[in-house]
């Protein structure tokens, strides 16, 4: 999520899937405190499990720092993690990335003693593999609406 679009997003969404950096957590916290006192926003931390430089998301080794920081933001409720594996893989080739996200989630739950029930991973082409690896949320827009033009 781009920093300049955060306020608009807060006006529309109840769950943000793409909290990927400390600065975004701080911006969400600030705007919620200023404009929506008492509101809590559910968030998923985006982890760049493929370590792709063109993609957003905390690197796997940065996930603990991002979680720790976000847990200190009293307006944010961390519900879990989100990832998008490298594009163009066959569904079964995405499995290691989905498994890695689940393992990161499991380690963070143990390290911080907090439940992180949601795993948002898998899209129209690989959602079945994602579900087999523990996905609780999948993004299947193409399967429903068709390819974008």
Protein backbone atom coordinates (compact mmCIF):
# COMPACT_ATOMS: atom_id res chain seq x y z
CA UNK A 1 0.00 0.00 0.00
CA UNK A 2 1.34 3.38 -0.95
CA UNK A 3 1.71 5.78 1.95
CA UNK A 4 -0.38 8.50 0.24
CA UNK A 5 -3.34 6.09 -0.20
CA UNK A 6 -3.56 5.01 3.43
CA UNK A 7 -6.25 7.48 4.50
CA UNK A 8 -8.50 6.54 1.58
CA UNK A 9 -7.99 2.85 2.37
CA UNK A 10 -8.98 3.44 5.99
CA UNK A 11 -12.24 4.99 4.83
CA UNK A 12 -13.16 1.80 2.96
CA UNK A 13 -11.43 -1.27 4.39
CA UNK A 14 -11.68 -3.19 7.65
CA UNK A 15 -8.75 -5.51 6.86
CA UNK A 16 -5.47 -4.50 5.25
CA UNK A 17 -3.62 -7.44 3.68
CA UNK A 18 -0.44 -5.55 2.81
CA UNK A 19 1.26 -4.14 5.89
CA UNK A 20 4.82 -4.57 4.69
CA UNK A 21 7.01 -2.05 6.53
CA UNK A 22 7.41 -0.22 9.83
CA UNK A 23 6.60 3.16 8.30
CA UNK A 24 3.23 1.92 7.06
CA UNK A 25 2.35 0.61 10.52
CA UNK A 26 3.23 4.03 11.95
CA UNK A 27 1.14 5.83 9.31
CA UNK A 28 -1.88 3.60 9.96
CA UNK A 29 -1.49 4.10 13.70
CA UNK A 30 -1.25 7.89 13.32
CA UNK A 31 -4.27 8.22 11.03
CA UNK A 32 -6.43 5.90 13.12
CA UNK A 33 -5.56 7.86 16.27
CA UNK A 34 -6.22 11.21 14.58
CA UNK A 35 -9.35 10.45 12.55
CA UNK A 36 -10.93 7.34 14.07
CA UNK A 37 -10.20 7.36 17.82
CA UNK A 38 -10.97 4.01 19.38
CA UNK A 39 -11.01 2.12 16.08
CA UNK A 40 -8.88 -0.97 15.66
CA UNK A 41 -7.84 -2.14 12.21
CA UNK A 42 -7.12 -5.77 11.39
CA UNK A 43 -3.93 -6.23 9.38
CA UNK A 44 -1.95 -8.99 7.75
CA UNK A 45 1.80 -8.63 7.52
CA UNK A 46 3.05 -9.09 3.97
CA UNK A 47 6.13 -11.29 3.72
CA UNK A 48 8.14 -11.46 0.50
CA UNK A 49 8.78 -15.22 0.72
CA UNK A 50 10.30 -15.28 -2.77
CA UNK A 51 12.70 -12.47 -1.83
CA UNK A 52 11.90 -10.79 -5.12
CA UNK A 53 13.32 -7.26 -5.33
CA UNK A 54 10.39 -5.97 -7.44
CA UNK A 55 7.81 -7.06 -4.86
CA UNK A 56 6.72 -5.46 -1.63
CA UNK A 57 6.81 -7.29 1.65
CA UNK A 58 9.16 -7.72 4.54
CA UNK A 59 11.89 -10.23 3.88
CA UNK A 60 11.48 -13.41 5.93
CA UNK A 61 14.29 -12.39 8.28
CA UNK A 62 12.56 -9.02 8.88
CA UNK A 63 9.15 -10.50 9.75
CA UNK A 64 9.82 -10.69 13.51
CA UNK A 65 10.83 -7.03 13.66
CA UNK A 66 7.74 -6.01 11.69
CA UNK A 67 5.48 -8.07 13.95
CA UNK A 68 7.07 -6.71 17.12
CA UNK A 69 6.68 -3.14 15.91
CA UNK A 70 3.10 -3.64 14.75
CA UNK A 71 2.11 -5.28 18.03
CA UNK A 72 3.21 -2.05 19.75
CA UNK A 73 0.65 -0.08 17.70
CA UNK A 74 -2.49 -0.15 19.84
CA UNK A 75 -4.81 0.62 16.91
CA UNK A 76 -3.61 -2.36 14.86
CA UNK A 77 -4.69 -5.96 15.32
CA UNK A 78 -2.32 -8.37 13.59
CA UNK A 79 -4.39 -11.32 12.35
CA UNK A 80 -1.73 -13.18 10.36
CA UNK A 81 0.51 -13.13 7.32
CA UNK A 82 0.14 -12.69 3.57
CA UNK A 83 2.40 -13.63 0.67
CA UNK A 84 2.41 -13.84 -3.09
CA UNK A 85 4.89 -16.39 -4.46
CA UNK A 86 6.89 -15.69 -7.61
CA UNK A 87 4.65 -15.26 -10.64
CA UNK A 88 4.40 -17.81 -13.42
CA UNK A 89 5.04 -20.94 -11.41
CA UNK A 90 3.03 -24.09 -11.89
CA UNK A 91 0.75 -24.58 -8.89
CA UNK A 92 2.89 -27.29 -7.31
CA UNK A 93 6.01 -25.10 -7.68
CA UNK A 94 4.35 -22.57 -5.35
CA UNK A 95 4.12 -25.09 -2.51
CA UNK A 96 7.54 -24.31 -0.95
CA UNK A 97 6.61 -20.62 -0.72
CA UNK A 98 3.28 -21.36 0.93
CA UNK A 99 4.96 -23.79 3.31
CA UNK A 100 7.62 -21.18 4.13
CA UNK A 101 4.96 -18.61 5.03
CA UNK A 102 3.18 -21.10 7.29
CA UNK A 103 6.46 -21.96 9.00
CA UNK A 104 7.29 -18.27 9.50
CA UNK A 105 3.82 -17.77 10.98
CA UNK A 106 4.26 -20.74 13.31
CA UNK A 107 7.66 -19.46 14.50
CA UNK A 108 6.29 -15.95 15.11
CA UNK A 109 3.32 -17.28 17.09
CA UNK A 110 5.68 -19.23 19.31
CA UNK A 111 8.24 -16.42 19.64
CA UNK A 112 5.69 -13.71 20.49
CA UNK A 113 2.98 -15.80 22.13
CA UNK A 114 0.24 -14.32 19.96
CA UNK A 115 -2.28 -16.08 17.75
CA UNK A 116 -1.89 -15.40 14.04
CA UNK A 117 -4.81 -17.40 12.64
CA UNK A 118 -4.89 -16.03 9.10
CA UNK A 119 -2.68 -17.03 6.19
CA UNK A 120 -3.57 -15.16 3.01
CA UNK A 121 -1.87 -17.00 0.19
CA UNK A 122 -2.90 -18.48 -3.10
CA UNK A 123 -4.64 -17.08 -6.13
CA UNK A 124 -6.83 -18.51 -8.86
CA UNK A 125 -4.09 -20.66 -10.39
CA UNK A 126 -2.68 -22.16 -7.16
CA UNK A 127 -5.29 -21.80 -4.42
CA UNK A 128 -5.72 -25.57 -3.99
CA UNK A 129 -2.03 -25.99 -3.13
CA UNK A 130 -2.22 -22.94 -0.85
CA UNK A 131 -5.18 -24.41 1.02
CA UNK A 132 -3.33 -27.70 1.41
CA UNK A 133 -0.48 -25.72 3.01
CA UNK A 134 -2.77 -23.90 5.44
CA UNK A 135 -4.27 -20.90 3.62
CA UNK A 136 -7.29 -19.42 5.36
CA UNK A 137 -7.80 -16.65 2.78
CA UNK A 138 -7.29 -16.97 -0.99
CA UNK A 139 -7.56 -14.38 -3.73
CA UNK A 140 -9.47 -15.85 -6.68
CA UNK A 141 -10.54 -12.81 -8.70
CA UNK A 142 -9.44 -14.21 -12.06
CA UNK A 143 -11.40 -17.42 -11.49
CA UNK A 144 -14.52 -15.34 -10.76
CA UNK A 145 -14.16 -12.34 -13.08
CA UNK A 146 -11.79 -13.58 -15.79
CA UNK A 147 -8.43 -12.20 -16.88
CA UNK A 148 -7.88 -8.47 -16.86
CA UNK A 149 -7.55 -6.90 -20.24
